[in-house]
């Protein structure tokens, strides 16, 4: 029986050293959709960079697009939650209408009833990973591309014409000594922001990769 089904979204498994047919240029952050399954439980996946990737079942992991508080309420005792500051909590018991989690001193600390994507408790920071016994990851936050200052700056710039933005990219100037941010607009000229020294700003963005507002958290 196949572990995945056609239409499932998947990533490459970071624990695999050698891929039977190679990675096909796909990195571990890329998300693809399963488009075919063979009788031998091998899969064909449509990745952005490789539209007909072929590999084994163990070379893939399922991507859960959204993990909500309702999912958390159904999690079993032993569910492990990792926070931004490295603090780890475990679910130690269940009560009707209450979800109790405790730290390593086994002290009940609070009810995570306000959990949502990227929720933060103000002390430990946001939740970055949730694992259920036997600690298969069911939720993990992606590395953020922009830091808070960069996100706030770009959000302020694009606010008047946000609905016209097609993408935002980081590029180099003609002699490739400086970098800049370009905002591409629908039916209008691109907006180029002032130059800056390489590796000093927007370090999470790849050169000439076109990012959507959603990818940048804008």
N, C-alpha and C. Protein backbone atom coordinates (compact mmCIF):
# COMPACT_ATOMS: atom_id res chain seq x y z
N UNK A 1 0.84 -1.20 0.00
CA UNK A 1 0.00 0.00 0.00
C UNK A 1 0.87 1.25 0.00
N UNK A 2 0.54 2.20 -0.84
CA UNK A 2 1.34 3.42 -0.95
C UNK A 2 1.14 4.33 0.26
N UNK A 3 2.23 4.92 0.69
CA UNK A 3 2.19 5.84 1.83
C UNK A 3 1.54 7.16 1.44
N UNK A 4 1.75 7.58 0.17
CA UNK A 4 1.20 8.84 -0.33
C UNK A 4 0.21 8.55 -1.44
N UNK A 5 -0.50 9.59 -1.85
CA UNK A 5 -1.46 9.45 -2.96
C UNK A 5 -1.23 10.57 -3.97
N UNK A 6 -1.73 10.37 -5.16
CA UNK A 6 -1.63 11.39 -6.20
C UNK A 6 -2.30 12.66 -5.70
N UNK A 7 -1.61 13.79 -5.88
CA UNK A 7 -2.13 15.08 -5.42
C UNK A 7 -1.50 15.54 -4.12
N UNK A 8 -0.90 14.61 -3.35
CA UNK A 8 -0.23 15.01 -2.11
C UNK A 8 0.94 15.93 -2.40
N UNK A 9 1.17 16.89 -1.51
CA UNK A 9 2.34 17.76 -1.63
C UNK A 9 3.46 17.20 -0.76
N UNK A 10 4.66 17.17 -1.31
CA UNK A 10 5.79 16.52 -0.64
C UNK A 10 7.07 17.33 -0.81
N UNK A 11 8.04 17.01 0.05
CA UNK A 11 9.40 17.52 -0.06
C UNK A 11 10.35 16.33 -0.09
N UNK A 12 11.61 16.61 -0.46
CA UNK A 12 12.62 15.57 -0.39
C UNK A 12 13.00 15.32 1.07
N UNK A 13 13.27 14.08 1.40
CA UNK A 13 13.62 13.68 2.76
C UNK A 13 15.09 14.03 3.05
N UNK A 14 15.31 14.91 4.03
CA UNK A 14 16.66 15.34 4.37
C UNK A 14 17.53 14.21 4.90
N UNK A 15 16.91 13.13 5.36
CA UNK A 15 17.67 12.03 5.97
C UNK A 15 18.25 11.07 4.94
N UNK A 16 17.87 11.25 3.68
CA UNK A 16 18.36 10.36 2.63
C UNK A 16 19.67 10.88 2.07
N UNK A 17 20.69 10.02 2.06
CA UNK A 17 21.99 10.43 1.54
C UNK A 17 22.10 10.27 0.04
N UNK A 18 21.66 9.13 -0.46
CA UNK A 18 21.76 8.84 -1.89
C UNK A 18 20.37 8.58 -2.46
N UNK A 19 19.97 9.40 -3.41
CA UNK A 19 18.69 9.23 -4.08
C UNK A 19 18.87 8.30 -5.28
N UNK A 20 17.98 7.33 -5.41
CA UNK A 20 18.13 6.28 -6.40
C UNK A 20 18.33 6.83 -7.80
N UNK A 21 17.56 7.85 -8.17
CA UNK A 21 17.66 8.43 -9.51
C UNK A 21 18.23 9.85 -9.47
N UNK A 22 18.82 10.24 -8.33
CA UNK A 22 19.35 11.59 -8.18
C UNK A 22 18.28 12.56 -7.74
N UNK A 23 18.70 13.75 -7.35
CA UNK A 23 17.76 14.78 -6.87
C UNK A 23 17.19 15.63 -7.99
N UNK A 24 17.80 15.58 -9.16
CA UNK A 24 17.28 16.36 -10.29
C UNK A 24 17.33 17.86 -10.08
N UNK A 25 18.28 18.30 -9.24
CA UNK A 25 18.41 19.74 -8.97
C UNK A 25 17.42 20.27 -7.95
N UNK A 26 16.59 19.40 -7.37
CA UNK A 26 15.57 19.82 -6.39
C UNK A 26 16.23 19.99 -5.03
N UNK A 27 15.98 21.13 -4.35
CA UNK A 27 16.53 21.30 -3.00
C UNK A 27 15.50 20.84 -1.96
N UNK A 28 15.94 20.78 -0.72
CA UNK A 28 15.09 20.21 0.32
C UNK A 28 13.94 21.12 0.74
N UNK A 29 13.97 22.39 0.34
CA UNK A 29 12.88 23.30 0.68
C UNK A 29 11.77 23.30 -0.36
N UNK A 30 12.07 22.77 -1.55
CA UNK A 30 11.10 22.80 -2.65
C UNK A 30 9.91 21.89 -2.36
N UNK A 31 8.72 22.36 -2.71
CA UNK A 31 7.50 21.59 -2.54
C UNK A 31 6.99 21.16 -3.90
N UNK A 32 6.69 19.87 -4.03
CA UNK A 32 6.17 19.35 -5.28
C UNK A 32 4.86 18.60 -5.07
N UNK A 33 4.20 18.26 -6.16
CA UNK A 33 2.93 17.52 -6.09
C UNK A 33 3.08 16.17 -6.78
N UNK A 34 2.64 15.12 -6.10
CA UNK A 34 2.72 13.78 -6.67
C UNK A 34 1.76 13.67 -7.86
N UNK A 35 2.30 13.25 -9.00
CA UNK A 35 1.48 13.15 -10.21
C UNK A 35 1.35 11.71 -10.70
N UNK A 36 2.09 10.79 -10.07
CA UNK A 36 1.99 9.40 -10.49
C UNK A 36 2.65 8.46 -9.52
N UNK A 37 2.14 7.22 -9.42
CA UNK A 37 2.70 6.20 -8.54
C UNK A 37 2.81 4.89 -9.32
N UNK A 38 3.99 4.25 -9.25
CA UNK A 38 4.19 3.00 -9.97
C UNK A 38 3.75 1.82 -9.12
N UNK A 39 3.71 0.64 -9.71
CA UNK A 39 3.34 -0.57 -8.98
C UNK A 39 4.36 -0.92 -7.90
N UNK A 40 5.58 -0.42 -8.06
CA UNK A 40 6.65 -0.69 -7.08
C UNK A 40 6.76 0.40 -6.02
N UNK A 41 5.70 1.20 -5.89
CA UNK A 41 5.69 2.30 -4.92
C UNK A 41 6.83 3.29 -5.15
N UNK A 42 7.09 3.58 -6.40
CA UNK A 42 7.96 4.70 -6.74
C UNK A 42 7.07 5.82 -7.27
N UNK A 43 7.56 7.05 -7.14
CA UNK A 43 6.69 8.20 -7.36
C UNK A 43 7.23 9.14 -8.44
N UNK A 44 6.30 9.76 -9.13
CA UNK A 44 6.61 10.87 -10.02
C UNK A 44 6.05 12.14 -9.39
N UNK A 45 6.92 13.14 -9.27
CA UNK A 45 6.55 14.37 -8.58
C UNK A 45 6.84 15.58 -9.46
N UNK A 46 5.90 16.51 -9.47
CA UNK A 46 6.07 17.76 -10.21
C UNK A 46 6.64 18.80 -9.27
N UNK A 47 7.97 19.03 -9.33
CA UNK A 47 8.64 20.08 -8.58
C UNK A 47 8.82 21.29 -9.49
N UNK A 48 8.90 22.51 -8.93
CA UNK A 48 9.08 23.71 -9.77
C UNK A 48 10.27 23.63 -10.71
N UNK A 49 11.38 23.02 -10.23
CA UNK A 49 12.58 22.97 -11.05
C UNK A 49 12.69 21.66 -11.83
N UNK A 50 11.85 20.70 -11.51
CA UNK A 50 11.93 19.38 -12.16
C UNK A 50 10.51 18.82 -12.25
N UNK A 51 9.90 18.96 -13.40
CA UNK A 51 8.49 18.64 -13.55
C UNK A 51 8.14 17.18 -13.57
N UNK A 52 9.17 16.30 -13.65
CA UNK A 52 8.88 14.86 -13.73
C UNK A 52 9.90 14.10 -12.89
N UNK A 53 10.07 14.54 -11.62
CA UNK A 53 11.02 13.90 -10.70
C UNK A 53 10.56 12.49 -10.40
N UNK A 54 11.51 11.55 -10.32
CA UNK A 54 11.20 10.13 -10.09
C UNK A 54 12.01 9.63 -8.91
N UNK A 55 11.37 9.00 -7.94
CA UNK A 55 12.10 8.49 -6.80
C UNK A 55 11.32 7.51 -5.96
N UNK A 56 11.96 7.06 -4.89
CA UNK A 56 11.38 6.06 -4.00
C UNK A 56 10.54 6.71 -2.91
N UNK A 57 9.68 5.91 -2.31
CA UNK A 57 8.78 6.41 -1.27
C UNK A 57 9.55 7.01 -0.09
N UNK A 58 10.61 6.33 0.34
CA UNK A 58 11.34 6.80 1.52
C UNK A 58 12.11 8.10 1.24
N UNK A 59 12.20 8.50 -0.02
CA UNK A 59 12.91 9.73 -0.36
C UNK A 59 12.03 10.97 -0.25
N UNK A 60 10.76 10.76 0.13
CA UNK A 60 9.80 11.86 0.21
C UNK A 60 9.20 11.98 1.61
N UNK A 61 8.82 13.20 1.97
CA UNK A 61 8.06 13.44 3.21
C UNK A 61 6.85 14.28 2.85
N UNK A 62 5.74 14.01 3.53
CA UNK A 62 4.50 14.72 3.26
C UNK A 62 4.57 16.15 3.80
N UNK A 63 4.06 17.08 3.04
CA UNK A 63 3.98 18.48 3.47
C UNK A 63 2.55 18.76 3.93
N UNK A 64 2.41 19.14 5.19
CA UNK A 64 1.10 19.54 5.70
C UNK A 64 1.03 21.05 5.55
N UNK A 65 0.15 21.53 4.71
CA UNK A 65 0.13 22.94 4.36
C UNK A 65 -0.29 23.83 5.53
N UNK A 66 -1.11 23.29 6.42
CA UNK A 66 -1.57 24.10 7.53
C UNK A 66 -1.77 23.22 8.75
N UNK A 67 -1.34 23.69 9.90
CA UNK A 67 -1.54 22.97 11.15
C UNK A 67 -2.22 23.94 12.10
N UNK A 68 -3.40 23.60 12.57
CA UNK A 68 -4.21 24.52 13.36
C UNK A 68 -4.34 24.05 14.80
N UNK A 69 -4.98 24.89 15.58
CA UNK A 69 -5.24 24.53 16.97
C UNK A 69 -6.14 23.30 17.06
N UNK A 70 -7.04 23.14 16.09
CA UNK A 70 -7.91 21.97 16.08
C UNK A 70 -7.07 20.69 15.91
N UNK A 71 -6.02 20.77 15.06
CA UNK A 71 -5.11 19.64 14.92
C UNK A 71 -4.39 19.35 16.23
N UNK A 72 -3.97 20.43 16.90
CA UNK A 72 -3.25 20.28 18.15
C UNK A 72 -4.13 19.64 19.23
N UNK A 73 -5.41 20.01 19.25
CA UNK A 73 -6.33 19.45 20.24
C UNK A 73 -6.47 17.93 20.09
N UNK A 74 -6.29 17.45 18.86
CA UNK A 74 -6.44 16.02 18.59
C UNK A 74 -5.13 15.26 18.75
N UNK A 75 -4.05 15.97 19.05
CA UNK A 75 -2.75 15.31 19.14
C UNK A 75 -2.69 14.40 20.36
N UNK A 76 -1.92 13.32 20.27
CA UNK A 76 -1.85 12.37 21.38
C UNK A 76 -0.97 12.86 22.52
N UNK A 77 -1.17 12.25 23.70
CA UNK A 77 -0.27 12.51 24.83
C UNK A 77 1.15 12.16 24.39
N UNK A 78 2.10 13.02 24.72
CA UNK A 78 3.47 12.84 24.27
C UNK A 78 3.85 13.75 23.14
N UNK A 79 2.86 14.46 22.55
CA UNK A 79 3.17 15.40 21.48
C UNK A 79 4.21 16.41 21.95
N UNK A 80 5.19 16.65 21.11
CA UNK A 80 6.34 17.49 21.47
C UNK A 80 6.27 18.81 20.71
N UNK A 81 6.41 19.92 21.43
CA UNK A 81 6.37 21.26 20.84
C UNK A 81 7.69 21.97 21.10
N UNK A 82 8.33 22.44 20.04
CA UNK A 82 9.59 23.17 20.16
C UNK A 82 9.35 24.65 19.87
N UNK A 83 9.82 25.51 20.79
CA UNK A 83 9.66 26.95 20.64
C UNK A 83 10.93 27.58 20.07
N UNK A 84 10.79 28.85 19.67
CA UNK A 84 11.86 29.59 19.02
C UNK A 84 13.12 29.66 19.87
N UNK A 85 12.98 29.75 21.18
CA UNK A 85 14.15 29.87 22.06
C UNK A 85 14.74 28.50 22.44
N UNK A 86 14.22 27.43 21.83
CA UNK A 86 14.75 26.10 22.09
C UNK A 86 14.02 25.34 23.18
N UNK A 87 13.09 26.00 23.87
CA UNK A 87 12.33 25.33 24.93
C UNK A 87 11.42 24.27 24.32
N UNK A 88 11.37 23.11 24.97
CA UNK A 88 10.56 22.00 24.49
C UNK A 88 9.50 21.64 25.51
N UNK A 89 8.26 21.50 25.05
CA UNK A 89 7.14 21.13 25.90
C UNK A 89 6.57 19.81 25.40
N UNK A 90 6.02 19.02 26.32
CA UNK A 90 5.36 17.77 25.97
C UNK A 90 3.92 17.78 26.49
N UNK A 91 3.03 17.20 25.71
CA UNK A 91 1.66 17.04 26.19
C UNK A 91 1.65 15.89 27.20
N UNK A 92 1.22 16.18 28.43
CA UNK A 92 1.30 15.17 29.49
C UNK A 92 -0.05 14.59 29.87
N UNK A 93 -1.15 15.29 29.55
CA UNK A 93 -2.47 14.74 29.84
C UNK A 93 -3.53 15.51 29.08
N UNK A 94 -4.74 14.98 29.10
CA UNK A 94 -5.86 15.62 28.42
C UNK A 94 -7.00 15.82 29.41
N UNK A 95 -7.70 16.93 29.26
CA UNK A 95 -8.93 17.19 29.99
C UNK A 95 -9.97 17.66 28.98
N UNK A 96 -11.20 17.50 29.31
CA UNK A 96 -12.25 17.92 28.38
C UNK A 96 -12.18 19.44 28.18
N UNK A 97 -11.93 19.83 26.96
CA UNK A 97 -11.89 21.25 26.64
C UNK A 97 -10.58 21.93 26.97
N UNK A 98 -9.62 21.19 27.54
CA UNK A 98 -8.34 21.79 27.92
C UNK A 98 -7.21 20.93 27.37
N UNK A 99 -6.19 21.57 26.85
CA UNK A 99 -5.03 20.86 26.34
C UNK A 99 -3.84 21.24 27.20
N UNK A 100 -3.38 20.33 28.02
CA UNK A 100 -2.32 20.63 28.96
C UNK A 100 -0.96 20.21 28.43
N UNK A 101 -0.01 21.14 28.51
CA UNK A 101 1.36 20.86 28.12
C UNK A 101 2.27 21.25 29.28
N UNK A 102 3.37 20.54 29.44
CA UNK A 102 4.28 20.81 30.55
C UNK A 102 5.70 20.87 30.04
N UNK A 103 6.56 21.58 30.80
CA UNK A 103 7.97 21.61 30.44
C UNK A 103 8.67 20.42 31.08
N UNK A 104 10.01 20.42 31.06
CA UNK A 104 10.74 19.24 31.52
C UNK A 104 10.68 19.05 33.04
N UNK A 105 10.09 19.98 33.79
CA UNK A 105 9.91 19.79 35.23
C UNK A 105 8.55 19.15 35.51
N UNK A 106 7.82 18.82 34.44
CA UNK A 106 6.50 18.19 34.53
C UNK A 106 5.48 19.12 35.20
N UNK A 107 5.70 20.40 35.14
CA UNK A 107 4.78 21.38 35.71
C UNK A 107 3.87 21.90 34.61
N UNK A 108 2.56 21.87 34.84
CA UNK A 108 1.63 22.38 33.84
C UNK A 108 1.84 23.88 33.72
N UNK A 109 2.06 24.35 32.53
CA UNK A 109 2.40 25.77 32.37
C UNK A 109 1.26 26.62 31.81
N UNK A 110 0.55 26.15 30.82
CA UNK A 110 -0.58 26.91 30.31
C UNK A 110 -1.36 26.11 29.28
N UNK A 111 -2.48 26.62 28.88
CA UNK A 111 -3.32 26.01 27.86
C UNK A 111 -3.02 26.71 26.54
N UNK A 112 -2.66 25.96 25.51
CA UNK A 112 -2.32 26.56 24.23
C UNK A 112 -3.57 26.81 23.38
N UNK A 113 -4.61 27.35 24.00
CA UNK A 113 -5.88 27.52 23.30
C UNK A 113 -5.82 28.59 22.23
N UNK A 114 -4.81 29.44 22.26
CA UNK A 114 -4.71 30.49 21.24
C UNK A 114 -3.75 30.11 20.12
N UNK A 115 -3.36 28.82 20.08
CA UNK A 115 -2.41 28.40 19.05
C UNK A 115 -2.92 28.69 17.65
N UNK A 116 -2.06 29.19 16.81
CA UNK A 116 -2.31 29.32 15.38
C UNK A 116 -0.96 29.35 14.70
N UNK A 117 -0.94 29.37 13.38
CA UNK A 117 0.34 29.38 12.67
C UNK A 117 1.19 30.54 13.16
N UNK A 118 2.47 30.21 13.50
CA UNK A 118 3.44 31.22 13.96
C UNK A 118 3.03 31.89 15.26
N UNK A 119 2.19 31.23 16.05
CA UNK A 119 1.75 31.79 17.32
C UNK A 119 2.92 31.94 18.27
N UNK A 120 2.94 33.01 19.06
CA UNK A 120 4.02 33.26 20.00
C UNK A 120 3.44 33.49 21.40
N UNK A 121 4.09 32.93 22.43
CA UNK A 121 3.56 33.11 23.79
C UNK A 121 4.19 34.29 24.51
N UNK A 122 5.09 35.02 23.84
CA UNK A 122 5.68 36.22 24.44
C UNK A 122 6.87 35.93 25.34
N UNK A 123 7.09 34.67 25.69
CA UNK A 123 8.21 34.30 26.55
C UNK A 123 9.19 33.42 25.78
N UNK A 124 8.67 32.37 25.18
CA UNK A 124 9.52 31.41 24.48
C UNK A 124 9.59 31.69 22.98
N UNK A 125 8.83 32.66 22.50
CA UNK A 125 8.79 32.94 21.07
C UNK A 125 7.78 32.06 20.38
N UNK A 126 7.83 32.03 19.05
CA UNK A 126 6.83 31.28 18.30
C UNK A 126 7.15 29.79 18.26
N UNK A 127 6.13 29.01 18.02
CA UNK A 127 6.29 27.57 17.84
C UNK A 127 6.96 27.33 16.49
N UNK A 128 8.06 26.58 16.47
CA UNK A 128 8.74 26.32 15.20
C UNK A 128 8.57 24.86 14.75
N UNK A 129 8.18 23.97 15.67
CA UNK A 129 7.99 22.58 15.27
C UNK A 129 7.04 21.87 16.21
N UNK A 130 6.20 21.00 15.65
CA UNK A 130 5.33 20.13 16.43
C UNK A 130 5.55 18.71 15.94
N UNK A 131 5.81 17.80 16.87
CA UNK A 131 6.07 16.40 16.52
C UNK A 131 5.17 15.50 17.36
N UNK A 132 4.58 14.51 16.73
CA UNK A 132 3.75 13.55 17.44
C UNK A 132 4.53 12.26 17.61
N UNK A 133 4.26 11.52 18.70
CA UNK A 133 4.93 10.22 18.86
C UNK A 133 4.66 9.35 17.63
N UNK A 134 5.61 8.68 17.11
CA UNK A 134 7.01 8.58 17.48
C UNK A 134 7.82 9.72 16.91
N UNK A 135 7.36 10.92 17.08
CA UNK A 135 8.02 12.15 16.70
C UNK A 135 8.28 12.30 15.22
N UNK A 136 7.20 12.04 14.48
CA UNK A 136 7.17 12.37 13.07
C UNK A 136 6.72 13.82 12.97
N UNK A 137 7.46 14.66 12.29
CA UNK A 137 7.13 16.07 12.21
C UNK A 137 5.81 16.28 11.47
N UNK A 138 4.89 17.00 12.11
CA UNK A 138 3.61 17.33 11.47
C UNK A 138 3.50 18.82 11.18
N UNK A 139 4.41 19.61 11.75
CA UNK A 139 4.42 21.06 11.50
C UNK A 139 5.82 21.56 11.75
N UNK A 140 6.34 22.38 10.85
CA UNK A 140 7.64 23.02 11.06
C UNK A 140 7.66 24.31 10.28
N UNK A 141 8.06 25.39 10.93
CA UNK A 141 8.06 26.69 10.27
C UNK A 141 9.23 26.77 9.30
N UNK A 142 9.01 27.36 8.16
CA UNK A 142 10.07 27.55 7.18
C UNK A 142 10.99 28.68 7.62
N UNK A 143 12.25 28.60 7.16
CA UNK A 143 13.16 29.72 7.41
C UNK A 143 12.58 30.98 6.81
N UNK A 144 12.59 32.09 7.56
CA UNK A 144 12.05 33.34 7.06
C UNK A 144 13.05 34.01 6.14
N UNK A 145 12.56 34.53 5.04
CA UNK A 145 13.42 35.13 4.02
C UNK A 145 13.84 36.55 4.44
N UNK A 146 12.91 37.31 4.98
CA UNK A 146 13.19 38.69 5.40
C UNK A 146 13.22 38.77 6.92
N UNK A 147 14.04 39.68 7.45
CA UNK A 147 13.96 39.93 8.89
C UNK A 147 12.87 40.97 9.13
N UNK A 148 12.60 41.27 10.39
CA UNK A 148 11.48 42.15 10.72
C UNK A 148 11.63 43.55 10.12
N UNK A 149 12.86 44.10 10.15
CA UNK A 149 13.09 45.45 9.63
C UNK A 149 12.89 45.48 8.12
N UNK A 150 13.40 44.48 7.42
CA UNK A 150 13.26 44.41 5.96
C UNK A 150 11.80 44.26 5.56
N UNK A 151 11.08 43.42 6.29
CA UNK A 151 9.66 43.20 5.99
C UNK A 151 8.86 44.49 6.22
N UNK A 152 9.14 45.17 7.32
CA UNK A 152 8.43 46.41 7.63
C UNK A 152 8.71 47.49 6.58
N UNK A 153 9.96 47.59 6.14
CA UNK A 153 10.35 48.60 5.14
C UNK A 153 9.65 48.34 3.80
N UNK A 154 9.72 47.10 3.32
CA UNK A 154 9.10 46.79 2.03
C UNK A 154 7.58 46.89 2.09
N UNK A 155 7.01 46.48 3.21
CA UNK A 155 5.55 46.58 3.35
C UNK A 155 5.10 48.04 3.25
N UNK A 156 5.88 48.93 3.86
CA UNK A 156 5.54 50.36 3.81
C UNK A 156 5.63 50.91 2.40
N UNK A 157 6.62 50.46 1.63
CA UNK A 157 6.81 50.95 0.27
C UNK A 157 5.68 50.51 -0.65
N UNK A 158 5.29 49.24 -0.56
CA UNK A 158 4.33 48.70 -1.53
C UNK A 158 2.87 48.92 -1.16
N UNK A 159 2.61 49.40 0.05
CA UNK A 159 1.22 49.54 0.50
C UNK A 159 0.31 50.27 -0.50
N UNK A 160 0.73 51.40 -1.10
CA UNK A 160 -0.19 52.12 -2.01
C UNK A 160 -0.51 51.37 -3.30
N UNK A 161 0.34 50.41 -3.70
CA UNK A 161 0.13 49.72 -4.98
C UNK A 161 0.31 48.20 -4.83
N UNK A 162 0.00 47.69 -3.66
CA UNK A 162 0.23 46.27 -3.36
C UNK A 162 -0.45 45.34 -4.36
N UNK A 163 -1.65 45.71 -4.81
CA UNK A 163 -2.40 44.84 -5.73
C UNK A 163 -1.77 44.78 -7.13
N UNK A 164 -0.78 45.64 -7.40
CA UNK A 164 -0.11 45.63 -8.70
C UNK A 164 1.23 44.87 -8.68
N UNK A 165 1.69 44.49 -7.49
CA UNK A 165 3.01 43.86 -7.39
C UNK A 165 2.96 42.43 -7.92
N UNK A 166 3.81 42.14 -8.91
CA UNK A 166 3.92 40.78 -9.46
C UNK A 166 4.93 39.96 -8.67
N UNK A 167 6.07 40.57 -8.36
CA UNK A 167 7.11 39.88 -7.61
C UNK A 167 8.13 40.90 -7.12
N UNK A 168 8.99 40.45 -6.24
CA UNK A 168 10.10 41.26 -5.73
C UNK A 168 11.36 40.41 -5.83
N UNK A 169 12.44 41.01 -6.32
CA UNK A 169 13.69 40.25 -6.47
C UNK A 169 14.88 41.08 -6.01
N UNK A 170 15.96 40.38 -5.70
CA UNK A 170 17.23 41.04 -5.39
C UNK A 170 18.17 40.82 -6.57
N UNK A 171 18.76 41.88 -7.08
CA UNK A 171 19.64 41.78 -8.25
C UNK A 171 20.94 42.54 -8.00
N UNK A 172 21.89 42.36 -8.95
CA UNK A 172 23.16 43.08 -8.89
C UNK A 172 23.16 44.18 -9.94
N UNK A 173 23.94 45.25 -9.70
CA UNK A 173 24.04 46.30 -10.70
C UNK A 173 24.91 45.83 -11.86
N UNK A 174 25.07 46.64 -12.88
CA UNK A 174 25.73 46.21 -14.12
C UNK A 174 27.15 45.71 -13.93
N UNK A 175 27.88 46.31 -13.01
CA UNK A 175 29.26 45.85 -12.79
C UNK A 175 29.35 44.88 -11.61
N UNK A 176 28.22 44.48 -11.12
CA UNK A 176 28.08 43.43 -10.10
C UNK A 176 28.88 43.71 -8.83
N UNK A 177 28.97 44.96 -8.45
CA UNK A 177 29.65 45.30 -7.20
C UNK A 177 28.66 45.66 -6.09
N UNK A 178 27.44 46.00 -6.49
CA UNK A 178 26.41 46.38 -5.53
C UNK A 178 25.13 45.60 -5.81
N UNK A 179 24.23 45.58 -4.85
CA UNK A 179 22.96 44.89 -5.01
C UNK A 179 21.81 45.87 -4.80
N UNK A 180 20.63 45.49 -5.26
CA UNK A 180 19.45 46.34 -5.08
C UNK A 180 18.20 45.48 -5.12
N UNK A 181 17.11 46.05 -4.65
CA UNK A 181 15.81 45.38 -4.67
C UNK A 181 14.97 45.97 -5.80
N UNK A 182 14.38 45.10 -6.62
CA UNK A 182 13.50 45.53 -7.70
C UNK A 182 12.09 45.01 -7.43
N UNK A 183 11.10 45.88 -7.60
CA UNK A 183 9.70 45.51 -7.41
C UNK A 183 9.03 45.56 -8.78
N UNK A 184 8.62 44.40 -9.29
CA UNK A 184 8.01 44.32 -10.61
C UNK A 184 6.50 44.49 -10.51
N UNK A 185 5.94 45.38 -11.34
CA UNK A 185 4.52 45.72 -11.27
C UNK A 185 3.77 45.29 -12.54
N UNK A 186 2.50 45.02 -12.39
CA UNK A 186 1.64 44.71 -13.53
C UNK A 186 1.35 45.99 -14.32
N UNK A 187 1.66 45.98 -15.62
CA UNK A 187 1.33 47.11 -16.47
C UNK A 187 2.05 48.39 -16.15
N UNK A 188 3.20 48.31 -15.50
CA UNK A 188 3.94 49.52 -15.13
C UNK A 188 5.42 49.19 -15.04
N UNK A 189 6.25 50.24 -14.95
CA UNK A 189 7.69 50.03 -14.85
C UNK A 189 8.06 49.48 -13.48
N UNK A 190 9.15 48.73 -13.44
CA UNK A 190 9.63 48.20 -12.17
C UNK A 190 10.18 49.33 -11.31
N UNK A 191 10.11 49.15 -10.01
CA UNK A 191 10.67 50.12 -9.06
C UNK A 191 11.96 49.54 -8.51
N UNK A 192 13.06 50.27 -8.65
CA UNK A 192 14.36 49.82 -8.14
C UNK A 192 14.74 50.67 -6.93
N UNK A 193 15.03 50.02 -5.83
CA UNK A 193 15.41 50.71 -4.60
C UNK A 193 16.91 50.98 -4.59
N UNK A 194 17.38 51.84 -3.70
CA UNK A 194 18.81 52.22 -3.67
C UNK A 194 19.75 51.03 -3.52
N UNK A 195 20.96 51.19 -4.09
CA UNK A 195 21.98 50.14 -4.00
C UNK A 195 22.45 49.94 -2.56
N UNK A 196 22.93 48.73 -2.28
CA UNK A 196 23.56 48.45 -0.99
C UNK A 196 24.68 47.46 -1.20
N UNK A 197 25.61 47.40 -0.24
CA UNK A 197 26.75 46.49 -0.34
C UNK A 197 26.28 45.03 -0.24
N UNK A 198 26.89 44.14 -1.01
CA UNK A 198 26.51 42.72 -0.94
C UNK A 198 26.65 42.15 0.46
N UNK A 199 25.76 41.25 0.80
CA UNK A 199 25.78 40.54 2.09
C UNK A 199 25.60 41.45 3.29
N UNK A 200 24.92 42.57 3.07
CA UNK A 200 24.63 43.47 4.20
C UNK A 200 23.13 43.59 4.45
N UNK A 201 22.31 43.31 3.44
CA UNK A 201 20.86 43.41 3.56
C UNK A 201 20.21 42.31 2.73
N UNK A 202 19.01 41.93 3.10
CA UNK A 202 18.21 40.94 2.34
C UNK A 202 19.02 39.67 2.06
N UNK A 203 19.74 39.21 3.07
CA UNK A 203 20.62 38.05 2.90
C UNK A 203 19.84 36.75 2.67
N UNK A 204 18.58 36.73 3.06
CA UNK A 204 17.76 35.55 2.86
C UNK A 204 17.24 35.39 1.45
N UNK A 205 17.40 36.42 0.60
CA UNK A 205 16.92 36.37 -0.77
C UNK A 205 18.04 35.92 -1.71
N UNK A 206 17.68 35.05 -2.65
CA UNK A 206 18.64 34.63 -3.66
C UNK A 206 18.67 35.64 -4.81
N UNK A 207 19.84 35.80 -5.41
CA UNK A 207 20.00 36.75 -6.51
C UNK A 207 19.11 36.36 -7.69
N UNK A 208 18.32 37.34 -8.16
CA UNK A 208 17.46 37.22 -9.35
C UNK A 208 16.32 36.20 -9.22
N UNK A 209 16.07 35.71 -8.03
CA UNK A 209 14.90 34.85 -7.84
C UNK A 209 13.69 35.73 -7.60
N UNK A 210 12.59 35.45 -8.28
CA UNK A 210 11.38 36.26 -8.17
C UNK A 210 10.51 35.71 -7.04
N UNK A 211 10.30 36.54 -6.01
CA UNK A 211 9.54 36.13 -4.84
C UNK A 211 8.15 36.75 -4.86
N UNK A 212 7.15 35.97 -4.51
CA UNK A 212 5.80 36.52 -4.37
C UNK A 212 5.69 37.23 -3.02
N UNK A 213 4.65 38.04 -2.87
CA UNK A 213 4.45 38.72 -1.59
C UNK A 213 4.21 37.70 -0.48
N UNK A 214 3.52 36.62 -0.80
CA UNK A 214 3.25 35.58 0.19
C UNK A 214 4.54 34.94 0.68
N UNK A 215 5.45 34.66 -0.23
CA UNK A 215 6.73 34.04 0.15
C UNK A 215 7.52 34.95 1.07
N UNK A 216 7.39 36.25 0.89
CA UNK A 216 8.15 37.22 1.69
C UNK A 216 7.39 37.64 2.94
N UNK A 217 6.21 37.13 3.13
CA UNK A 217 5.43 37.49 4.31
C UNK A 217 4.88 38.91 4.25
N UNK A 218 4.63 39.39 3.03
CA UNK A 218 4.14 40.76 2.84
C UNK A 218 2.65 40.76 2.50
